Amino acid sequence: MVYMIKKKLMFRAWFYFRQGWGTYFAFIIAALNTMVTTYYLAIDKASDLKVIFPSFTVYALFWIVIGVPLLITIGYIHFKKVPAYSSEVDVNVEANPYCFKLLPGWQKDTLFPMYLLMMNMFVKLSKNEKLNDEEIINLSKLQKDIQTLIDGGYVGKTDRFKNIS
């Protein structure tokens, strides 16, 4: 058990490391690297561009004032105006099995069984039939599960979540 917790902690740490590295650190370093490289290898050597950007500070301010809003606009266009993002989401939906299956936990163990039981009850009511003992037991179990969820508890297989508060 201790080994599993340590192994899980190690993979969680690895995930958080990759998120921090890829989202923040690598992004900032790549942006600075691009700015330094383009300024000192291209602009500093070209006298025409040196007139526009006499120092690296002016060049950096240019990227902050012009480049950042431009990149925000490009990001907005990517998400809202061209089909690139919607195509990416389509591929992710097709690859994700839970887009076509019930999620494990409350959805599979409580919500949809309740829907099925309610549908069966409606069919019986429309035929003027009564619920049998098994259906009443299932209904009571679902009521308890729903109350457990309302109280902040878990339903279904909960071994994975015992240490989560």
C-alpha atoms as a PDB file:
ATOM      1  CA  MET A   1       0.000   0.000   0.000  1.00  0.00           C
ATOM      2  CA  VAL A   2       2.794   2.440   0.906  1.00  0.00           C
ATOM      3  CA  TYR A   3       4.544   1.570  -2.373  1.00  0.00           C
ATOM      4  CA  MET A   4       1.361   2.381  -4.321  1.00  0.00           C
ATOM      5  CA  ILE A   5       0.978   5.735  -2.552  1.00  0.00           C
ATOM      6  CA  LYS A   6       4.628   6.617  -3.248  1.00  0.00           C
ATOM      7  CA  LYS A   7       4.267   5.507  -6.870  1.00  0.00           C
ATOM      8  CA  LYS A   8       1.098   7.574  -7.258  1.00  0.00           C
ATOM      9  CA  LEU A   9       2.791  10.576  -5.626  1.00  0.00           C
ATOM     10  CA  MET A  10       5.734  10.207  -8.004  1.00  0.00           C
ATOM     11  CA  PHE A  11       3.477  10.204 -11.082  1.00  0.00           C
ATOM     12  CA  ARG A  12       1.441  13.134  -9.751  1.00  0.00           C
ATOM     13  CA  ALA A  13       4.671  15.075  -9.176  1.00  0.00           C
ATOM     14  CA  TRP A  14       5.800  14.168 -12.704  1.00  0.00           C
ATOM     15  CA  PHE A  15       2.474  15.424 -14.108  1.00  0.00           C
ATOM     16  CA  TYR A  16       2.705  18.717 -12.194  1.00  0.00           C
ATOM     17  CA  PHE A  17       6.342  19.127 -13.268  1.00  0.00           C
ATOM     18  CA  ARG A  18       5.395  18.690 -16.949  1.00  0.00           C
ATOM     19  CA  GLN A  19       2.539  21.177 -16.591  1.00  0.00           C
ATOM     20  CA  GLY A  20       4.779  23.768 -14.957  1.00  0.00           C
ATOM     21  CA  TRP A  21       7.584  23.204 -17.435  1.00  0.00           C
ATOM     22  CA  GLY A  22       5.484  23.100 -20.605  1.00  0.00           C
ATOM     23  CA  THR A  23       2.971  25.777 -19.730  1.00  0.00           C
ATOM     24  CA  TYR A  24       5.117  28.329 -17.948  1.00  0.00           C
ATOM     25  CA  PHE A  25       8.860  27.774 -17.810  1.00  0.00           C
ATOM     26  CA  ALA A  26       9.476  26.560 -21.369  1.00  0.00           C
ATOM     27  CA  PHE A  27       7.121  29.190 -22.748  1.00  0.00           C
ATOM     28  CA  ILE A  28       8.916  32.069 -20.993  1.00  0.00           C
ATOM     29  CA  ILE A  29      12.384  30.743 -21.853  1.00  0.00           C
ATOM     30  CA  ALA A  30      11.377  30.173 -25.493  1.00  0.00           C
ATOM     31  CA  ALA A  31       9.952  33.696 -25.777  1.00  0.00           C
ATOM     32  CA  LEU A  32      13.060  35.270 -24.247  1.00  0.00           C
ATOM     33  CA  ASN A  33      15.324  33.072 -26.372  1.00  0.00           C
ATOM     34  CA  THR A  34      13.513  34.097 -29.539  1.00  0.00           C
ATOM     35  CA  MET A  35      13.678  37.780 -28.637  1.00  0.00           C
ATOM     36  CA  VAL A  36      17.392  37.702 -27.715  1.00  0.00           C
ATOM     37  CA  THR A  37      18.313  35.634 -30.774  1.00  0.00           C
ATOM     38  CA  THR A  38      16.387  37.754 -33.262  1.00  0.00           C
ATOM     39  CA  TYR A  39      17.658  41.003 -31.786  1.00  0.00           C
ATOM     40  CA  TYR A  40      21.346  40.170 -31.455  1.00  0.00           C
ATOM     41  CA  LEU A  41      21.694  38.032 -34.596  1.00  0.00           C
ATOM     42  CA  ALA A  42      19.427  39.989 -36.950  1.00  0.00           C
ATOM     43  CA  ILE A  43      18.478  43.466 -35.784  1.00  0.00           C
ATOM     44  CA  ASP A  44      21.807  44.391 -34.144  1.00  0.00           C
ATOM     45  CA  LYS A  45      23.625  43.540 -37.383  1.00  0.00           C
ATOM     46  CA  ALA A  46      21.203  45.385 -39.722  1.00  0.00           C
ATOM     47  CA  SER A  47      21.662  49.157 -39.661  1.00  0.00           C
ATOM     48  CA  ASP A  48      18.181  49.836 -41.099  1.00  0.00           C
ATOM     49  CA  LEU A  49      16.510  47.866 -38.306  1.00  0.00           C
ATOM     50  CA  LYS A  50      18.877  49.333 -35.711  1.00  0.00           C
ATOM     51  CA  VAL A  51      17.257  52.716 -36.386  1.00  0.00           C
ATOM     52  CA  ILE A  52      13.823  51.297 -35.447  1.00  0.00           C
ATOM     53  CA  PHE A  53      15.125  49.259 -32.504  1.00  0.00           C
ATOM     54  CA  PRO A  54      18.181  51.095 -31.093  1.00  0.00           C
ATOM     55  CA  SER A  55      18.318  48.832 -28.002  1.00  0.00           C
ATOM     56  CA  PHE A  56      17.086  45.477 -26.806  1.00  0.00           C
ATOM     57  CA  THR A  57      14.793  47.272 -24.329  1.00  0.00           C
ATOM     58  CA  VAL A  58      12.998  49.071 -27.172  1.00  0.00           C
ATOM     59  CA  TYR A  59      12.680  45.751 -29.008  1.00  0.00           C
ATOM     60  CA  ALA A  60      11.263  44.038 -25.890  1.00  0.00           C
ATOM     61  CA  LEU A  61       8.776  46.894 -25.374  1.00  0.00           C
ATOM     62  CA  PHE A  62       7.732  46.537 -29.013  1.00  0.00           C
ATOM     63  CA  TRP A  63       6.929  42.853 -28.411  1.00  0.00           C
ATOM     64  CA  ILE A  64       5.033  43.662 -25.229  1.00  0.00           C
ATOM     65  CA  VAL A  65       2.989  46.483 -26.803  1.00  0.00           C
ATOM     66  CA  ILE A  66       2.490  45.067 -30.323  1.00  0.00           C
ATOM     67  CA  GLY A  67       3.370  41.377 -30.177  1.00  0.00           C
ATOM     68  CA  VAL A  68       1.308  40.315 -27.156  1.00  0.00           C
ATOM     69  CA  PRO A  69      -1.988  41.837 -28.408  1.00  0.00           C
ATOM     70  CA  LEU A  70      -1.251  40.410 -31.873  1.00  0.00           C
ATOM     71  CA  LEU A  71      -0.722  36.916 -30.436  1.00  0.00           C
ATOM     72  CA  ILE A  72      -3.884  37.238 -28.334  1.00  0.00           C
ATOM     73  CA  THR A  73      -5.789  38.114 -31.507  1.00  0.00           C
ATOM     74  CA  ILE A  74      -4.291  35.146 -33.329  1.00  0.00           C
ATOM     75  CA  GLY A  75      -5.258  32.859 -30.424  1.00  0.00           C
ATOM     76  CA  TYR A  76      -8.800  34.239 -30.484  1.00  0.00           C
ATOM     77  CA  ILE A  77      -9.059  33.653 -34.221  1.00  0.00           C
ATOM     78  CA  HIS A  78      -7.748  30.103 -33.745  1.00  0.00           C
ATOM     79  CA  PHE A  79     -10.469  29.286 -31.203  1.00  0.00           C
ATOM     80  CA  LYS A  80     -13.413  31.287 -32.531  1.00  0.00           C
ATOM     81  CA  LYS A  81     -13.094  32.019 -36.237  1.00  0.00           C
ATOM     82  CA  VAL A  82     -11.395  29.106 -38.006  1.00  0.00           C
ATOM     83  CA  PRO A  83     -12.268  25.403 -37.903  1.00  0.00           C
ATOM     84  CA  ALA A  84      -8.848  24.387 -36.508  1.00  0.00           C
ATOM     85  CA  TYR A  85      -9.888  24.226 -32.857  1.00  0.00           C
ATOM     86  CA  SER A  86     -13.251  22.600 -33.508  1.00  0.00           C
ATOM     87  CA  SER A  87     -11.475  19.935 -35.575  1.00  0.00           C
ATOM     88  CA  GLU A  88      -9.050  19.352 -32.703  1.00  0.00           C
ATOM     89  CA  VAL A  89     -11.966  18.944 -30.279  1.00  0.00           C
ATOM     90  CA  ASP A  90     -13.670  16.542 -32.709  1.00  0.00           C
ATOM     91  CA  VAL A  91     -10.565  14.340 -32.740  1.00  0.00           C
ATOM     92  CA  ASN A  92     -10.344  14.405 -28.928  1.00  0.00           C
ATOM     93  CA  VAL A  93     -14.037  13.496 -28.596  1.00  0.00           C
ATOM     94  CA  GLU A  94     -13.636  10.600 -31.015  1.00  0.00           C
ATOM     95  CA  ALA A  95     -10.585   9.352 -29.087  1.00  0.00           C
ATOM     96  CA  ASN A  96     -12.172   9.675 -25.622  1.00  0.00           C
ATOM     97  CA  PRO A  97     -14.210   6.558 -24.752  1.00  0.00           C
ATOM     98  CA  TYR A  98     -16.172   8.412 -22.070  1.00  0.00           C
ATOM     99  CA  CYS A  99     -17.832  10.579 -24.693  1.00  0.00           C
ATOM    100  CA  PHE A 100     -19.749   7.439 -25.670  1.00  0.00           C
ATOM    101  CA  LYS A 101     -19.944   5.663 -22.302  1.00  0.00           C
ATOM    102  CA  LEU A 102     -21.139   6.538 -18.845  1.00  0.00           C
ATOM    103  CA  LEU A 103     -18.527   7.925 -16.504  1.00  0.00           C
ATOM    104  CA  PRO A 104     -17.692   5.583 -13.642  1.00  0.00           C
ATOM    105  CA  GLY A 105     -18.931   6.728 -10.253  1.00  0.00           C
ATOM    106  CA  TRP A 106     -22.106   8.699  -9.578  1.00  0.00           C
ATOM    107  CA  GLN A 107     -23.209   8.820 -13.221  1.00  0.00           C
ATOM    108  CA  LYS A 108     -23.016   5.076 -13.791  1.00  0.00           C
ATOM    109  CA  ASP A 109     -23.923   3.925 -10.276  1.00  0.00           C
ATOM    110  CA  THR A 110     -26.666   6.395  -9.360  1.00  0.00           C
ATOM    111  CA  LEU A 111     -27.934   8.804 -12.002  1.00  0.00           C
ATOM    112  CA  PHE A 112     -28.629   6.506 -14.931  1.00  0.00           C
ATOM    113  CA  PRO A 113     -29.942   3.597 -12.836  1.00  0.00           C
ATOM    114  CA  MET A 114     -32.377   6.146 -11.384  1.00  0.00           C
ATOM    115  CA  TYR A 115     -33.415   7.195 -14.894  1.00  0.00           C
ATOM    116  CA  LEU A 116     -33.968   3.567 -15.869  1.00  0.00           C
ATOM    117  CA  LEU A 117     -35.986   2.863 -12.727  1.00  0.00           C
ATOM    118  CA  MET A 118     -38.083   5.991 -13.308  1.00  0.00           C
ATOM    119  CA  MET A 119     -38.768   4.927 -16.895  1.00  0.00           C
ATOM    120  CA  ASN A 120     -39.822   1.470 -15.696  1.00  0.00           C
ATOM    121  CA  MET A 121     -42.063   3.094 -13.096  1.00  0.00           C
ATOM    122  CA  PHE A 122     -43.693   5.306 -15.745  1.00  0.00           C
ATOM    123  CA  VAL A 123     -44.360   2.290 -17.945  1.00  0.00           C
ATOM    124  CA  LYS A 124     -45.910   0.433 -15.003  1.00  0.00           C
ATOM    125  CA  LEU A 125     -47.975   3.459 -13.998  1.00  0.00           C
ATOM    126  CA  SER A 126     -49.259   3.820 -17.553  1.00  0.00           C
ATOM    127  CA  LYS A 127     -50.370   0.156 -17.373  1.00  0.00           C
ATOM    128  CA  ASN A 128     -51.857   0.660 -13.890  1.00  0.00           C
ATOM    129  CA  GLU A 129     -49.360  -1.828 -12.414  1.00  0.00           C
ATOM    130  CA  LYS A 130     -47.623  -1.663  -9.020  1.00  0.00           C
ATOM    131  CA  LEU A 131     -43.899  -1.845  -8.286  1.00  0.00           C
ATOM    132  CA  ASN A 132     -42.597  -5.236  -7.223  1.00  0.00           C
ATOM    133  CA  ASP A 133     -40.419  -5.776  -4.114  1.00  0.00           C
ATOM    134  CA  GLU A 134     -37.148  -5.799  -6.067  1.00  0.00           C
ATOM    135  CA  GLU A 135     -37.949  -2.439  -7.681  1.00  0.00           C
ATOM    136  CA  ILE A 136     -38.791  -0.933  -4.307  1.00  0.00           C
ATOM    137  CA  ILE A 137     -35.466  -2.217  -2.885  1.00  0.00           C
ATOM    138  CA  ASN A 138     -33.602  -0.722  -5.860  1.00  0.00           C
ATOM    139  CA  LEU A 139     -35.451   2.554  -5.358  1.00  0.00           C
ATOM    140  CA  SER A 140     -34.455   2.640  -1.678  1.00  0.00           C
ATOM    141  CA  LYS A 141     -30.817   1.928  -2.557  1.00  0.00           C
ATOM    142  CA  LEU A 142     -30.802   4.741  -5.124  1.00  0.00           C
ATOM    143  CA  GLN A 143     -32.316   7.110  -2.562  1.00  0.00           C
ATOM    144  CA  LYS A 144     -29.500   6.268  -0.133  1.00  0.00           C
ATOM    145  CA  ASP A 145     -26.861   6.739  -2.854  1.00  0.00           C
ATOM    146  CA  ILE A 146     -28.308  10.114  -3.849  1.00  0.00           C
ATOM    147  CA  GLN A 147     -28.327  11.211  -0.205  1.00  0.00           C
ATOM    148  CA  THR A 148     -24.700  10.053   0.100  1.00  0.00           C
ATOM    149  CA  LEU A 149     -23.798  12.228  -2.902  1.00  0.00           C
ATOM    150  CA  ILE A 150     -25.719  15.191  -1.480  1.00  0.00           C
ATOM    151  CA  ASP A 151     -23.823  14.772   1.799  1.00  0.00           C
ATOM    152  CA  GLY A 152     -20.499  14.885  -0.078  1.00  0.00           C
ATOM    153  CA  GLY A 153     -19.784  11.168  -0.096  1.00  0.00           C
ATOM    154  CA  TYR A 154     -18.856   8.764  -2.874  1.00  0.00           C
ATOM    155  CA  VAL A 155     -20.788   6.016  -4.622  1.00  0.00           C
ATOM    156  CA  GLY A 156     -19.429   3.133  -6.649  1.00  0.00           C
ATOM    157  CA  LYS A 157     -15.832   1.957  -6.414  1.00  0.00           C
ATOM    158  CA  THR A 158     -14.274   4.356  -3.912  1.00  0.00           C
ATOM    159  CA  ASP A 159     -10.903   2.737  -3.081  1.00  0.00           C
ATOM    160  CA  ARG A 160      -9.097   5.320  -5.227  1.00  0.00           C
ATOM    161  CA  PHE A 161     -10.608   8.235  -3.329  1.00  0.00           C
ATOM    162  CA  LYS A 162     -10.203   7.264   0.321  1.00  0.00           C
ATOM    163  CA  ASN A 163      -7.310   9.710   0.897  1.00  0.00           C
ATOM    164  CA  ILE A 164      -8.966  12.630  -0.892  1.00  0.00           C
ATOM    165  CA  SER A 165     -10.624  15.193   1.302  1.00  0.00           C
END
